[in-house]
Each structure stands twice: as C-alpha cells, then as structure tokens.
Amino acid sequence: MVRDSVDEIDREILQTLSEDPRMPYSRIASRLEEAGYEMSAEGVRHRVTDLLDESSILLLTAPQGHDWQVLRVDVTVRGGTAAADAVYERLSELDFWLVCRGFGSIDVHAVATAAGVEDATDLLNTVRGLDDVESVDYFLETDRETDVHKYTVE
C-alpha cells in the first residue's frame, strides 16, 4: 500500500514503538483504542509493515534505559570528493550502524552505539586518526525525549 503521508494513527503507532520497539501488536491496538482509534492487532501489524517498507524510520530505544550510549559523529575532510569517499567507506567498515553523505558543512555523518564513554572515546579517536580527516564533531546522547506526533512534513 503506497501512502501519501503519515496520518495520526501512524503517529500513534510510531510514538508507541519509540517508547517500546518490542511492544506486541495487541498492546499497540489497546493503546490506539485508548487514543480513540479502533484497530485490531492484525491491522496494526499491516500498518507497521507498511511504515517500515515505505520509510526510513528508525526506532532506537532511548539510551537512559540501557547500558549504552548513542554516539553521533560529524566529520569534515580535507582533500575534496575523493577524500570524502575514502572516509565514508572507512567509517562504513567501523562500528557505525548509520553512515551518511550529503551537502552542507560536514562531509560524513555517522551514528554508533557504544557500551560506555570509554568505547565511544576509542571510536572517536579511531575516526580522528583516519587519513584526510580534518575535524570531528560529536554528540554523545545520554537522554532523549521523542514525540512522533510532531513528525510531519505537512
């Protein structure tokens, strides 16, 4: 099913999954009912499947409930496109689960989960030591509040 946009039911489902990505579809259906939407667990399963098939939505539980940190890294390279390509490829080989390229003031953006501050520091030092890396800015996420109801492009 191809959708034109994410609707309020989708937002309720995504908000629920952002709080607990392992929540059973039957419990999500109950939460939807509490919000004024009637849907079976099977209907929820179809919605979730469609959302995951048609989007790049990534649900990662907040770090404060776990023994790990989310590390976000922005890398600027010296040497132009070839250097950026090389750093992009090298980051893809490291422990980052998301590596992105685009336009703007950074050349490569990457995200990893780390067991703790020491592991995050080790990964940052590895990135800093790569050939052609000019600078590394980072953010170590230790807490998060998610409101998927504000996730809209309308």
C-alpha atoms as a PDB file:
ATOM      1  CA  MET A   1       0.000   0.000   0.000  1.00  0.00           C
ATOM      2  CA  VAL A   2       1.504   3.344  -1.044  1.00  0.00           C
ATOM      3  CA  ARG A   3       0.753   6.247   1.276  1.00  0.00           C
ATOM      4  CA  ASP A   4       0.782   9.957   0.584  1.00  0.00           C
ATOM      5  CA  SER A   5       1.683  10.822   4.172  1.00  0.00           C
ATOM      6  CA  VAL A   6       1.887   9.635   7.743  1.00  0.00           C
ATOM      7  CA  ASP A   7      -1.510  10.014   9.432  1.00  0.00           C
ATOM      8  CA  GLU A   8      -2.496  10.320  13.107  1.00  0.00           C
ATOM      9  CA  ILE A   9      -2.856   6.551  13.532  1.00  0.00           C
ATOM     10  CA  ASP A  10       0.647   6.061  12.115  1.00  0.00           C
ATOM     11  CA  ARG A  11       1.955   8.705  14.532  1.00  0.00           C
ATOM     12  CA  GLU A  12       0.310   6.949  17.483  1.00  0.00           C
ATOM     13  CA  ILE A  13       1.879   3.655  16.410  1.00  0.00           C
ATOM     14  CA  LEU A  14       5.303   5.239  15.916  1.00  0.00           C
ATOM     15  CA  GLN A  15       5.095   7.048  19.265  1.00  0.00           C
ATOM     16  CA  THR A  16       4.256   3.769  20.984  1.00  0.00           C
ATOM     17  CA  LEU A  17       7.091   1.955  19.210  1.00  0.00           C
ATOM     18  CA  SER A  18       9.520   4.748  20.100  1.00  0.00           C
ATOM     19  CA  GLU A  19       8.731   4.058  23.755  1.00  0.00           C
ATOM     20  CA  ASP A  20       8.977   0.259  23.398  1.00  0.00           C
ATOM     21  CA  PRO A  21      10.000  -1.161  19.989  1.00  0.00           C
ATOM     22  CA  ARG A  22       9.162  -4.695  21.181  1.00  0.00           C
ATOM     23  CA  MET A  23       5.603  -3.938  22.233  1.00  0.00           C
ATOM     24  CA  PRO A  24       3.198  -6.622  20.957  1.00  0.00           C
ATOM     25  CA  TYR A  25       0.748  -5.554  18.270  1.00  0.00           C
ATOM     26  CA  SER A  26      -2.146  -6.440  20.586  1.00  0.00           C
ATOM     27  CA  ARG A  27      -0.893  -3.928  23.168  1.00  0.00           C
ATOM     28  CA  ILE A  28      -0.408  -1.288  20.465  1.00  0.00           C
ATOM     29  CA  ALA A  29      -4.017  -1.915  19.379  1.00  0.00           C
ATOM     30  CA  SER A  30      -5.095  -1.322  23.004  1.00  0.00           C
ATOM     31  CA  ARG A  31      -3.112   1.927  23.126  1.00  0.00           C
ATOM     32  CA  LEU A  32      -4.745   3.023  19.866  1.00  0.00           C
ATOM     33  CA  GLU A  33      -8.154   2.315  21.352  1.00  0.00           C
ATOM     34  CA  GLU A  34      -7.253   4.461  24.382  1.00  0.00           C
ATOM     35  CA  ALA A  35      -6.404   7.262  21.913  1.00  0.00           C
ATOM     36  CA  GLY A  36      -9.771   6.883  20.164  1.00  0.00           C
ATOM     37  CA  TYR A  37      -8.784   4.662  17.227  1.00  0.00           C
ATOM     38  CA  GLU A  38     -10.194   1.179  16.791  1.00  0.00           C
ATOM     39  CA  MET A  39      -7.828  -1.288  15.137  1.00  0.00           C
ATOM     40  CA  SER A  40      -7.058  -4.979  15.522  1.00  0.00           C
ATOM     41  CA  ALA A  41      -3.606  -6.353  16.234  1.00  0.00           C
ATOM     42  CA  GLU A  42      -3.542  -7.611  12.640  1.00  0.00           C
ATOM     43  CA  GLY A  43      -4.366  -4.103  11.412  1.00  0.00           C
ATOM     44  CA  VAL A  44      -1.501  -2.731  13.495  1.00  0.00           C
ATOM     45  CA  ARG A  45       0.844  -5.343  12.005  1.00  0.00           C
ATOM     46  CA  HIS A  46      -0.140  -4.238   8.491  1.00  0.00           C
ATOM     47  CA  ARG A  47       0.390  -0.568   9.360  1.00  0.00           C
ATOM     48  CA  VAL A  48       3.807  -1.248  10.909  1.00  0.00           C
ATOM     49  CA  THR A  49       4.855  -3.368   7.931  1.00  0.00           C
ATOM     50  CA  ASP A  50       3.781  -0.624   5.517  1.00  0.00           C
ATOM     51  CA  LEU A  51       5.568   2.067   7.534  1.00  0.00           C
ATOM     52  CA  LEU A  52       8.793   0.083   7.607  1.00  0.00           C
ATOM     53  CA  ASP A  53       8.560  -0.849   3.922  1.00  0.00           C
ATOM     54  CA  GLU A  54       7.933   2.713   2.767  1.00  0.00           C
ATOM     55  CA  SER A  55      10.106   4.792   5.037  1.00  0.00           C
ATOM     56  CA  SER A  56      13.495   5.180   6.585  1.00  0.00           C
ATOM     57  CA  ILE A  57      12.046   5.456  10.083  1.00  0.00           C
ATOM     58  CA  LEU A  58      14.480   4.052  12.589  1.00  0.00           C
ATOM     59  CA  LEU A  59      13.281   3.266  16.086  1.00  0.00           C
ATOM     60  CA  LEU A  60      16.012   3.062  18.676  1.00  0.00           C
ATOM     61  CA  THR A  61      15.163   2.938  22.338  1.00  0.00           C
ATOM     62  CA  ALA A  62      16.388   5.827  24.452  1.00  0.00           C
ATOM     63  CA  PRO A  63      19.836   5.296  25.982  1.00  0.00           C
ATOM     64  CA  GLN A  64      18.853   6.226  29.532  1.00  0.00           C
ATOM     65  CA  GLY A  65      17.095   2.861  29.936  1.00  0.00           C
ATOM     66  CA  HIS A  66      20.139   0.848  28.835  1.00  0.00           C
ATOM     67  CA  ASP A  67      23.827   0.366  29.446  1.00  0.00           C
ATOM     68  CA  TRP A  68      24.914   2.040  26.201  1.00  0.00           C
ATOM     69  CA  GLN A  69      25.292   5.446  24.634  1.00  0.00           C
ATOM     70  CA  VAL A  70      24.325   6.765  21.208  1.00  0.00           C
ATOM     71  CA  LEU A  71      27.297   8.438  19.519  1.00  0.00           C
ATOM     72  CA  ARG A  72      26.669  10.848  16.641  1.00  0.00           C
ATOM     73  CA  VAL A  73      29.744  11.949  14.692  1.00  0.00           C
ATOM     74  CA  ASP A  74      30.144  14.695  12.060  1.00  0.00           C
ATOM     75  CA  VAL A  75      33.347  14.532  10.034  1.00  0.00           C
ATOM     76  CA  THR A  76      34.932  17.187   7.831  1.00  0.00           C
ATOM     77  CA  VAL A  77      37.663  16.023   5.465  1.00  0.00           C
ATOM     78  CA  ARG A  78      40.468  17.769   3.629  1.00  0.00           C
ATOM     79  CA  GLY A  79      41.146  16.826   0.044  1.00  0.00           C
ATOM     80  CA  GLY A  80      37.808  17.009  -1.754  1.00  0.00           C
ATOM     81  CA  THR A  81      35.431  14.369  -3.026  1.00  0.00           C
ATOM     82  CA  ALA A  82      37.922  11.502  -3.248  1.00  0.00           C
ATOM     83  CA  ALA A  83      38.939  12.046   0.373  1.00  0.00           C
ATOM     84  CA  ALA A  84      35.303  12.221   1.470  1.00  0.00           C
ATOM     85  CA  ASP A  85      34.605   8.983  -0.411  1.00  0.00           C
ATOM     86  CA  ALA A  86      37.523   7.272   1.313  1.00  0.00           C
ATOM     87  CA  VAL A  87      36.466   8.438   4.798  1.00  0.00           C
ATOM     88  CA  TYR A  88      32.856   7.416   4.083  1.00  0.00           C
ATOM     89  CA  GLU A  89      33.991   3.915   3.094  1.00  0.00           C
ATOM     90  CA  ARG A  90      36.273   3.608   6.120  1.00  0.00           C
ATOM     91  CA  LEU A  91      33.526   4.704   8.536  1.00  0.00           C
ATOM     92  CA  SER A  92      31.236   2.113   6.947  1.00  0.00           C
ATOM     93  CA  GLU A  93      33.762  -0.548   7.962  1.00  0.00           C
ATOM     94  CA  LEU A  94      33.851   0.604  11.614  1.00  0.00           C
ATOM     95  CA  ASP A  95      31.201   0.073  14.313  1.00  0.00           C
ATOM     96  CA  PHE A  96      28.794   2.691  12.938  1.00  0.00           C
ATOM     97  CA  TRP A  97      25.323   1.412  12.086  1.00  0.00           C
ATOM     98  CA  LEU A  98      24.448   4.511  10.059  1.00  0.00           C
ATOM     99  CA  VAL A  99      26.838   6.375   7.766  1.00  0.00           C
ATOM    100  CA  CYS A 100      25.518   9.237   5.585  1.00  0.00           C
ATOM    101  CA  ARG A 101      26.852  11.650   2.973  1.00  0.00           C
ATOM    102  CA  GLY A 102      25.172  14.801   1.790  1.00  0.00           C
ATOM    103  CA  PHE A 103      25.600  18.504   1.247  1.00  0.00           C
ATOM    104  CA  GLY A 104      26.375  21.046   3.906  1.00  0.00           C
ATOM    105  CA  SER A 105      29.060  21.992   6.365  1.00  0.00           C
ATOM    106  CA  ILE A 106      30.036  18.374   7.117  1.00  0.00           C
ATOM    107  CA  ASP A 107      31.198  15.659   4.740  1.00  0.00           C
ATOM    108  CA  VAL A 108      30.135  12.497   6.574  1.00  0.00           C
ATOM    109  CA  HIS A 109      27.682  11.849   9.420  1.00  0.00           C
ATOM    110  CA  ALA A 110      27.746   8.570  11.354  1.00  0.00           C
ATOM    111  CA  VAL A 111      25.898   7.012  14.286  1.00  0.00           C
ATOM    112  CA  ALA A 112      27.004   4.180  16.573  1.00  0.00           C
ATOM    113  CA  THR A 113      26.003   2.682  19.872  1.00  0.00           C
ATOM    114  CA  ALA A 114      28.779   2.313  22.408  1.00  0.00           C
ATOM    115  CA  ALA A 115      28.883   0.295  25.611  1.00  0.00           C
ATOM    116  CA  GLY A 116      30.097   3.333  27.504  1.00  0.00           C
ATOM    117  CA  VAL A 117      32.052   6.560  27.361  1.00  0.00           C
ATOM    118  CA  GLU A 118      35.386   4.722  27.062  1.00  0.00           C
ATOM    119  CA  ASP A 119      34.215   2.788  23.985  1.00  0.00           C
ATOM    120  CA  ALA A 120      32.804   5.970  22.449  1.00  0.00           C
ATOM    121  CA  THR A 121      36.133   7.730  23.071  1.00  0.00           C
ATOM    122  CA  ASP A 122      38.049   4.861  21.438  1.00  0.00           C
ATOM    123  CA  LEU A 123      35.811   5.020  18.363  1.00  0.00           C
ATOM    124  CA  LEU A 124      36.190   8.817  18.182  1.00  0.00           C
ATOM    125  CA  ASN A 125      39.980   8.505  18.385  1.00  0.00           C
ATOM    126  CA  THR A 126      39.926   5.952  15.565  1.00  0.00           C
ATOM    127  CA  VAL A 127      37.924   8.380  13.405  1.00  0.00           C
ATOM    128  CA  ARG A 128      40.248  11.267  14.279  1.00  0.00           C
ATOM    129  CA  GLY A 129      43.223   9.145  13.205  1.00  0.00           C
ATOM    130  CA  LEU A 130      41.876   8.384   9.722  1.00  0.00           C
ATOM    131  CA  ASP A 131      43.756   9.833   6.762  1.00  0.00           C
ATOM    132  CA  ASP A 132      42.169  13.004   5.352  1.00  0.00           C
ATOM    133  CA  VAL A 133      40.041  13.704   8.459  1.00  0.00           C
ATOM    134  CA  GLU A 134      40.268  17.413   9.197  1.00  0.00           C
ATOM    135  CA  SER A 135      37.844  17.665  12.114  1.00  0.00           C
ATOM    136  CA  VAL A 136      35.430  15.551  14.121  1.00  0.00           C
ATOM    137  CA  ASP A 137      32.463  16.986  15.973  1.00  0.00           C
ATOM    138  CA  TYR A 138      30.424  14.631  18.080  1.00  0.00           C
ATOM    139  CA  PHE A 139      27.449  14.329  20.351  1.00  0.00           C
ATOM    140  CA  LEU A 140      27.109  11.551  22.929  1.00  0.00           C
ATOM    141  CA  GLU A 141      23.400  11.117  23.575  1.00  0.00           C
ATOM    142  CA  THR A 142      22.622  10.194  27.180  1.00  0.00           C
ATOM    143  CA  ASP A 143      18.903  11.026  27.297  1.00  0.00           C
ATOM    144  CA  ARG A 144      16.114  11.506  24.785  1.00  0.00           C
ATOM    145  CA  GLU A 145      12.509  12.605  24.572  1.00  0.00           C
ATOM    146  CA  THR A 146      10.631  11.521  21.462  1.00  0.00           C
ATOM    147  CA  ASP A 147       7.335  12.967  20.236  1.00  0.00           C
ATOM    148  CA  VAL A 148       6.439  11.332  16.946  1.00  0.00           C
ATOM    149  CA  HIS A 149       3.258  13.426  16.829  1.00  0.00           C
ATOM    150  CA  LYS A 150       5.499  16.312  15.747  1.00  0.00           C
ATOM    151  CA  TYR A 151       6.988  14.197  12.951  1.00  0.00           C
ATOM    152  CA  THR A 152       5.319  15.621   9.898  1.00  0.00           C
ATOM    153  CA  VAL A 153       6.141  17.175   6.567  1.00  0.00           C
ATOM    154  CA  GLU A 154       2.781  18.843   6.033  1.00  0.00           C
END
